[in-house]
Amino acid sequence: MTTVDNALGAVKRISDRARGERNLGWRLAGPAFVIMLFVTLYPICYAIYLSLFNYRLTDPDGRKFVFLKNYAVALSDSLFWQAFVTTFIIVAITLVFELILGMALAMVMNKIVIPRKTLRTVVLIPYAIITVVSAFSWLYAARVDTGFFNHWLHWISFGGFPLDYDWFGGRWSSLTIICLSEIWKTTPFMSLLLLAGLSQIDSSMEEAAQVDGATWWQRFIRVVLPNMKAALMVAVLFRTLDAIRIYDNPYVMTGGANKTMTLSMLVGNETINRVEIGMGSCLAVILFIIVLIVAFVFVRGFKVDLTSSGRS
């Protein structure tokens, strides 16, 4: 009985300690959590409220409650679905290339001999550049009159590429430059997130697999990727949610021309240019719901317990 009593007492002490730490954590983080909840929840609720009205900012007295009519109009508009498709084309292309290039860069930085802090700082330079500045740089680089893209491609192809090719004259060529600018800017961010996952992998596991005769690809698929699933989920989720809200690059480069308008640009056009607060709020709510759905699918799809992976 004494041994059992001691064990029960130890369990009780552990549970009391865990409960006390949890309560302390809530007391410390509670005020900040309440403030952040209010700061984020109030605009969301107010946007949902405004989306139920036909409300133009230049005619505040003519505001009329229309319930879900704005949503029906938005979801039946071909421009909305065109922006939806364009947005997810950009998301898919940039995410695939950033994941591949980011993983390659992370693996190089993980094995590099020179000072890693210096290398990480240098790699982050594109990501540190303001997006609008980066967008204007790519705009001028790809323009026919001021750019050097055509000259480089003309030289590489030994004169086979035309010097007067208009990159912003068509949809797919415009999307190519937009995607290239996004990949160039955000790949460093992706690589650092993946590097954090690589640094958590025990090197003895790879060494054991190598001793067993596993090739580099087999070690990568069966050892590296399974042990950095949490880092992969965070990197892919963060980048996907950020790419869905893309605004700066297409706005600066094309202004939405050539079927390059994204969902965020559509929201901005309705709210700022046309001052249609009701429809703009409706589109913002739809974009918010899309982001929530994508986040839910990714979290459920990866099936990663971030709390347990953080303790391991």
Protein backbone atom coordinates (compact mmCIF):
# COMPACT_ATOMS: atom_id res chain seq x y z
CA MET A 1 0.00 0.00 0.00
CA THR A 2 2.86 2.35 0.75
CA THR A 3 4.27 2.01 -2.76
CA VAL A 4 0.85 2.57 -4.31
CA ASP A 5 0.23 5.58 -2.11
CA ASN A 6 3.59 7.06 -3.06
CA ALA A 7 2.86 6.55 -6.76
CA LEU A 8 -0.56 8.15 -6.44
CA GLY A 9 0.96 11.05 -4.54
CA ALA A 10 3.58 11.55 -7.24
CA VAL A 11 0.92 11.56 -9.97
CA LYS A 12 -1.13 14.05 -7.98
CA ARG A 13 1.89 16.31 -7.47
CA ILE A 14 2.71 16.15 -11.17
CA SER A 15 -0.87 16.94 -12.16
CA ASP A 16 -1.02 19.80 -9.64
CA ARG A 17 2.23 21.17 -11.01
CA ALA A 18 1.03 20.88 -14.61
CA ARG A 19 -2.23 22.55 -13.67
CA GLY A 20 -0.38 25.35 -11.92
CA GLU A 21 1.91 25.92 -14.93
CA ARG A 22 -1.10 25.99 -17.24
CA ASN A 23 -2.88 28.52 -15.03
CA LEU A 24 0.27 30.66 -14.84
CA GLY A 25 0.56 30.56 -18.61
CA TRP A 26 -3.03 31.74 -19.04
CA ARG A 27 -2.49 34.55 -16.52
CA LEU A 28 0.64 35.74 -18.30
CA ALA A 29 -0.70 35.42 -21.85
CA GLY A 30 -4.33 36.22 -21.04
CA PRO A 31 -4.22 40.04 -21.34
CA ALA A 32 -2.36 39.91 -24.65
CA PHE A 33 -4.72 37.20 -25.90
CA VAL A 34 -7.79 39.28 -25.03
CA ILE A 35 -6.36 42.37 -26.74
CA MET A 36 -5.42 40.43 -29.88
CA LEU A 37 -8.83 38.75 -29.91
CA PHE A 38 -10.57 42.12 -29.74
CA VAL A 39 -8.30 43.71 -32.36
CA THR A 40 -8.91 40.87 -34.83
CA LEU A 41 -12.44 39.80 -33.93
CA TYR A 42 -14.04 43.24 -34.07
CA PRO A 43 -13.00 44.05 -37.67
CA ILE A 44 -14.07 40.56 -38.79
CA CYS A 45 -17.49 40.88 -37.18
CA TYR A 46 -17.90 44.43 -38.51
CA ALA A 47 -16.96 43.31 -42.04
CA ILE A 48 -19.55 40.52 -41.83
CA TYR A 49 -22.12 43.07 -40.66
CA LEU A 50 -21.34 45.50 -43.51
CA SER A 51 -21.44 42.68 -46.06
CA LEU A 52 -25.17 42.35 -45.40
CA PHE A 53 -25.84 45.89 -46.67
CA ASN A 54 -25.93 47.64 -50.00
CA TYR A 55 -23.69 50.44 -48.80
CA ARG A 56 -21.80 52.97 -50.90
CA LEU A 57 -19.48 55.31 -49.02
CA THR A 58 -20.55 58.35 -51.09
CA ASP A 59 -24.20 57.69 -50.19
CA PRO A 60 -24.27 56.85 -46.45
CA ASP A 61 -27.98 57.66 -46.14
CA GLY A 62 -28.86 55.17 -48.86
CA ARG A 63 -27.59 52.16 -46.98
CA LYS A 64 -30.01 49.26 -47.37
CA PHE A 65 -30.10 45.85 -45.69
CA VAL A 66 -29.96 43.15 -48.38
CA PHE A 67 -28.97 40.12 -46.23
CA LEU A 68 -27.05 37.62 -48.44
CA LYS A 69 -27.68 39.30 -51.79
CA ASN A 70 -24.10 40.59 -52.00
CA TYR A 71 -22.80 37.04 -51.62
CA ALA A 72 -25.13 35.77 -54.35
CA VAL A 73 -24.00 38.55 -56.70
CA ALA A 74 -20.31 37.97 -55.95
CA LEU A 75 -20.45 34.19 -56.38
CA SER A 76 -22.37 34.51 -59.65
CA ASP A 77 -19.95 37.06 -61.12
CA SER A 78 -17.51 35.72 -63.72
CA LEU A 79 -14.93 38.32 -62.63
CA PHE A 80 -14.85 36.80 -59.15
CA TRP A 81 -14.18 33.30 -60.47
CA GLN A 82 -11.59 34.62 -62.89
CA ALA A 83 -9.79 36.29 -59.97
CA PHE A 84 -10.20 33.08 -57.95
CA VAL A 85 -8.58 30.96 -60.66
CA THR A 86 -5.78 33.49 -61.20
CA THR A 87 -5.03 33.61 -57.49
CA PHE A 88 -4.74 29.86 -57.14
CA ILE A 89 -2.66 29.56 -60.32
CA ILE A 90 -0.16 31.91 -58.71
CA VAL A 91 -0.40 30.01 -55.40
CA ALA A 92 0.19 26.62 -57.04
CA ILE A 93 3.13 27.70 -59.23
CA THR A 94 4.94 29.73 -56.59
CA LEU A 95 4.40 27.17 -53.83
CA VAL A 96 5.83 24.27 -55.86
CA PHE A 97 8.93 26.15 -56.97
CA GLU A 98 9.52 27.79 -53.59
CA LEU A 99 9.21 24.44 -51.82
CA ILE A 100 11.72 22.75 -54.17
CA LEU A 101 14.19 25.65 -54.24
CA GLY A 102 13.73 26.36 -50.53
CA MET A 103 14.43 22.74 -49.62
CA ALA A 104 17.54 22.68 -51.82
CA LEU A 105 18.79 25.93 -50.31
CA ALA A 106 18.03 24.72 -46.77
CA MET A 107 19.97 21.50 -47.32
CA VAL A 108 22.95 23.46 -48.65
CA MET A 109 22.87 25.84 -45.67
CA ASN A 110 22.55 22.87 -43.30
CA LYS A 111 25.77 21.34 -44.66
CA ILE A 112 27.72 24.52 -45.35
CA VAL A 113 31.02 25.10 -43.54
CA ILE A 114 31.23 28.89 -43.63
CA PRO A 115 29.55 30.89 -40.82
CA ARG A 116 25.85 30.07 -41.00
CA LYS A 117 24.62 33.33 -39.47
CA THR A 118 26.31 35.34 -42.22
CA LEU A 119 24.94 33.06 -44.91
CA ARG A 120 21.40 33.24 -43.51
CA THR A 121 21.59 37.03 -43.43
CA VAL A 122 22.73 37.18 -47.05
CA VAL A 123 20.04 34.73 -48.17
CA LEU A 124 17.32 36.86 -46.52
CA ILE A 125 18.18 40.00 -48.50
CA PRO A 126 15.48 39.47 -51.19
CA TYR A 127 12.87 38.81 -48.51
CA ALA A 128 13.88 41.99 -46.65
CA ILE A 129 13.18 44.17 -49.68
CA ILE A 130 9.79 45.90 -49.56
CA THR A 131 7.38 44.09 -51.88
CA VAL A 132 6.41 47.23 -53.81
CA VAL A 133 10.09 48.05 -54.44
CA SER A 134 10.68 44.47 -55.59
CA ALA A 135 7.64 44.62 -57.87
CA PHE A 136 8.81 47.84 -59.53
CA SER A 137 12.27 46.31 -60.02
CA TRP A 138 10.81 43.30 -61.83
CA LEU A 139 8.48 45.59 -63.79
CA TYR A 140 11.35 47.67 -65.14
CA ALA A 141 13.47 44.55 -65.76
CA ALA A 142 10.77 42.97 -67.94
CA ARG A 143 9.59 46.03 -69.83
CA VAL A 144 10.44 46.34 -73.49
CA ASP A 145 11.93 49.84 -73.26
CA THR A 146 13.76 49.72 -69.91
CA GLY A 147 14.27 46.02 -69.19
CA PHE A 148 17.19 43.67 -69.67
CA PHE A 149 15.23 40.39 -69.71
CA ASN A 150 14.84 40.41 -73.47
CA HIS A 151 18.51 41.27 -74.00
CA TRP A 152 19.64 38.42 -71.75
CA LEU A 153 17.30 35.90 -73.38
CA HIS A 154 18.32 37.19 -76.82
CA TRP A 155 21.98 36.62 -75.91
CA ILE A 156 21.41 33.20 -74.31
CA SER A 157 19.38 31.97 -77.30
CA PHE A 158 21.99 33.32 -79.76
CA GLY A 159 19.52 35.76 -81.28
CA GLY A 160 16.53 33.42 -81.27
CA PHE A 161 14.52 35.41 -78.69
CA PRO A 162 13.01 38.71 -79.90
CA LEU A 163 14.25 41.91 -78.29
CA ASP A 164 10.82 43.51 -78.49
CA TYR A 165 8.84 40.78 -76.70
CA ASP A 166 6.16 42.35 -74.49
CA TRP A 167 6.00 40.34 -71.26
CA PHE A 168 2.97 42.31 -70.06
CA GLY A 169 1.07 41.99 -73.31
CA GLY A 170 -0.63 38.69 -72.45
CA ARG A 171 -2.05 36.81 -69.49
CA TRP A 172 0.43 33.93 -69.20
CA SER A 173 3.53 36.03 -69.86
CA SER A 174 2.35 38.53 -67.22
CA LEU A 175 1.70 35.72 -64.74
CA THR A 176 5.18 34.35 -65.48
CA ILE A 177 6.84 37.59 -64.35
CA ILE A 178 4.52 37.88 -61.34
CA CYS A 179 5.33 34.31 -60.27
CA LEU A 180 9.08 34.80 -60.84
CA SER A 181 9.07 37.90 -58.64
CA GLU A 182 7.19 36.05 -55.90
CA ILE A 183 9.53 33.04 -56.07
CA TRP A 184 12.64 35.24 -55.99
CA LYS A 185 11.42 37.20 -52.98
CA THR A 186 9.92 34.52 -50.73
CA THR A 187 12.10 31.46 -51.38
CA PRO A 188 14.59 32.63 -48.69
CA PHE A 189 11.77 32.72 -46.14
CA MET A 190 10.72 29.20 -47.10
CA SER A 191 14.32 27.96 -46.90
CA LEU A 192 14.82 29.26 -43.36
CA LEU A 193 11.62 27.59 -42.16
CA LEU A 194 12.74 24.30 -43.71
CA LEU A 195 16.24 24.76 -42.31
CA ALA A 196 14.73 24.88 -38.83
CA GLY A 197 13.17 21.48 -39.50
CA LEU A 198 16.40 20.03 -40.91
CA SER A 199 18.37 21.13 -37.87
CA GLN A 200 16.08 19.05 -35.62
CA ILE A 201 16.85 15.77 -37.40
CA ASP A 202 19.32 13.52 -35.60
CA SER A 203 22.28 12.99 -37.94
CA SER A 204 22.77 9.48 -36.53
CA MET A 205 19.52 8.42 -38.23
CA GLU A 206 20.87 9.37 -41.66
CA GLU A 207 24.20 7.75 -40.89
CA ALA A 208 22.47 4.50 -39.87
CA ALA A 209 20.44 4.52 -43.09
CA GLN A 210 23.59 5.14 -45.11
CA VAL A 211 25.35 2.22 -43.38
CA ASP A 212 22.36 0.04 -44.30
CA GLY A 213 22.95 0.90 -47.95
CA ALA A 214 20.23 3.50 -48.48
CA THR A 215 20.81 5.91 -51.35
CA TRP A 216 20.64 9.69 -50.94
CA TRP A 217 17.11 9.74 -52.35
CA GLN A 218 15.96 6.93 -50.05
CA ARG A 219 17.41 8.72 -47.02
CA PHE A 220 15.70 11.93 -48.09
CA ILE A 221 12.28 10.28 -48.60
CA ARG A 222 12.30 7.86 -45.65
CA VAL A 223 14.35 9.71 -43.03
CA VAL A 224 14.49 13.44 -43.73
CA LEU A 225 10.93 14.24 -44.87
CA PRO A 226 9.07 12.18 -42.21
CA ASN A 227 11.10 13.81 -39.43
CA MET A 228 10.47 17.37 -40.58
CA LYS A 229 6.74 17.06 -41.30
CA ALA A 230 5.91 19.79 -38.77
CA ALA A 231 8.35 22.24 -40.36
CA LEU A 232 7.01 21.38 -43.80
CA MET A 233 3.44 21.99 -42.68
CA VAL A 234 4.30 25.37 -41.15
CA ALA A 235 6.28 26.47 -44.21
CA VAL A 236 3.66 25.35 -46.73
CA LEU A 237 0.76 26.70 -44.67
CA PHE A 238 2.32 30.11 -44.02
CA ARG A 239 3.38 30.53 -47.63
CA THR A 240 0.05 29.36 -49.06
CA LEU A 241 -1.98 31.72 -46.87
CA ASP A 242 0.35 34.57 -47.77
CA ALA A 243 0.17 33.79 -51.50
CA ILE A 244 -3.65 33.69 -51.45
CA ARG A 245 -3.61 37.32 -50.32
CA ILE A 246 -1.21 38.45 -53.06
CA TYR A 247 -1.81 42.06 -54.04
CA ASP A 248 1.35 44.14 -54.51
CA ASN A 249 3.06 42.42 -57.44
CA PRO A 250 0.08 42.12 -59.82
CA TYR A 251 -1.15 45.59 -58.83
CA VAL A 252 2.19 47.24 -59.64
CA MET A 253 2.97 45.20 -62.77
CA THR A 254 -0.38 44.89 -64.54
CA GLY A 255 -3.02 46.63 -62.44
CA GLY A 256 -5.21 43.59 -63.03
CA ALA A 257 -5.04 43.79 -66.83
CA ASN A 258 -4.81 40.67 -69.04
CA LYS A 259 -6.89 38.64 -66.59
CA THR A 260 -4.30 38.96 -63.81
CA MET A 261 -6.58 40.41 -61.14
CA THR A 262 -6.40 38.48 -57.87
CA LEU A 263 -8.98 38.18 -55.10
CA SER A 264 -7.24 40.78 -52.93
CA MET A 265 -7.14 43.19 -55.87
CA LEU A 266 -10.84 42.59 -56.42
CA VAL A 267 -11.53 43.46 -52.79
CA GLY A 268 -9.41 46.59 -53.06
CA ASN A 269 -11.07 47.65 -56.30
CA GLU A 270 -14.56 47.36 -54.84
CA THR A 271 -13.70 49.00 -51.52
CA ILE A 272 -11.23 51.73 -52.51
CA ASN A 273 -11.86 52.55 -56.16
CA ARG A 274 -15.63 52.04 -56.32
CA VAL A 275 -16.21 52.78 -52.57
CA GLU A 276 -18.73 49.93 -52.49
CA ILE A 277 -18.28 49.11 -48.81
CA GLY A 278 -20.99 46.45 -48.71
CA MET A 279 -19.71 44.44 -51.71
CA GLY A 280 -16.09 45.00 -50.72
CA SER A 281 -16.78 43.67 -47.23
CA CYS A 282 -18.59 40.71 -48.76
CA LEU A 283 -15.59 39.85 -50.93
CA ALA A 284 -13.26 40.27 -47.94
CA VAL A 285 -15.37 37.85 -45.91
CA ILE A 286 -15.32 35.32 -48.76
CA LEU A 287 -11.53 35.63 -48.97
CA PHE A 288 -11.32 35.13 -45.21
CA ILE A 289 -13.45 31.98 -45.45
CA ILE A 290 -11.24 30.65 -48.26
CA VAL A 291 -8.17 31.20 -46.08
CA LEU A 292 -9.82 29.38 -43.17
CA ILE A 293 -10.78 26.44 -45.39
CA VAL A 294 -7.27 26.17 -46.83
CA ALA A 295 -5.71 26.33 -43.34
CA PHE A 296 -8.10 23.63 -42.07
CA VAL A 297 -7.35 21.35 -45.04
CA PHE A 298 -3.60 21.72 -44.60
CA VAL A 299 -3.65 21.09 -40.86
CA ARG A 300 -5.89 18.05 -41.22
CA GLY A 301 -4.01 16.82 -44.27
CA PHE A 302 -0.56 16.90 -42.68
CA LYS A 303 -1.89 15.35 -39.46
CA VAL A 304 0.83 16.95 -37.33
CA ASP A 305 0.54 17.59 -33.61
CA LEU A 306 2.60 20.76 -33.29
CA THR A 307 2.53 20.64 -29.51
CA SER A 308 4.01 17.17 -29.30
CA SER A 309 6.52 17.87 -32.06
CA GLY A 310 7.65 20.97 -30.25
CA ARG A 311 8.37 18.99 -27.09
CA SER A 312 10.26 16.21 -28.84
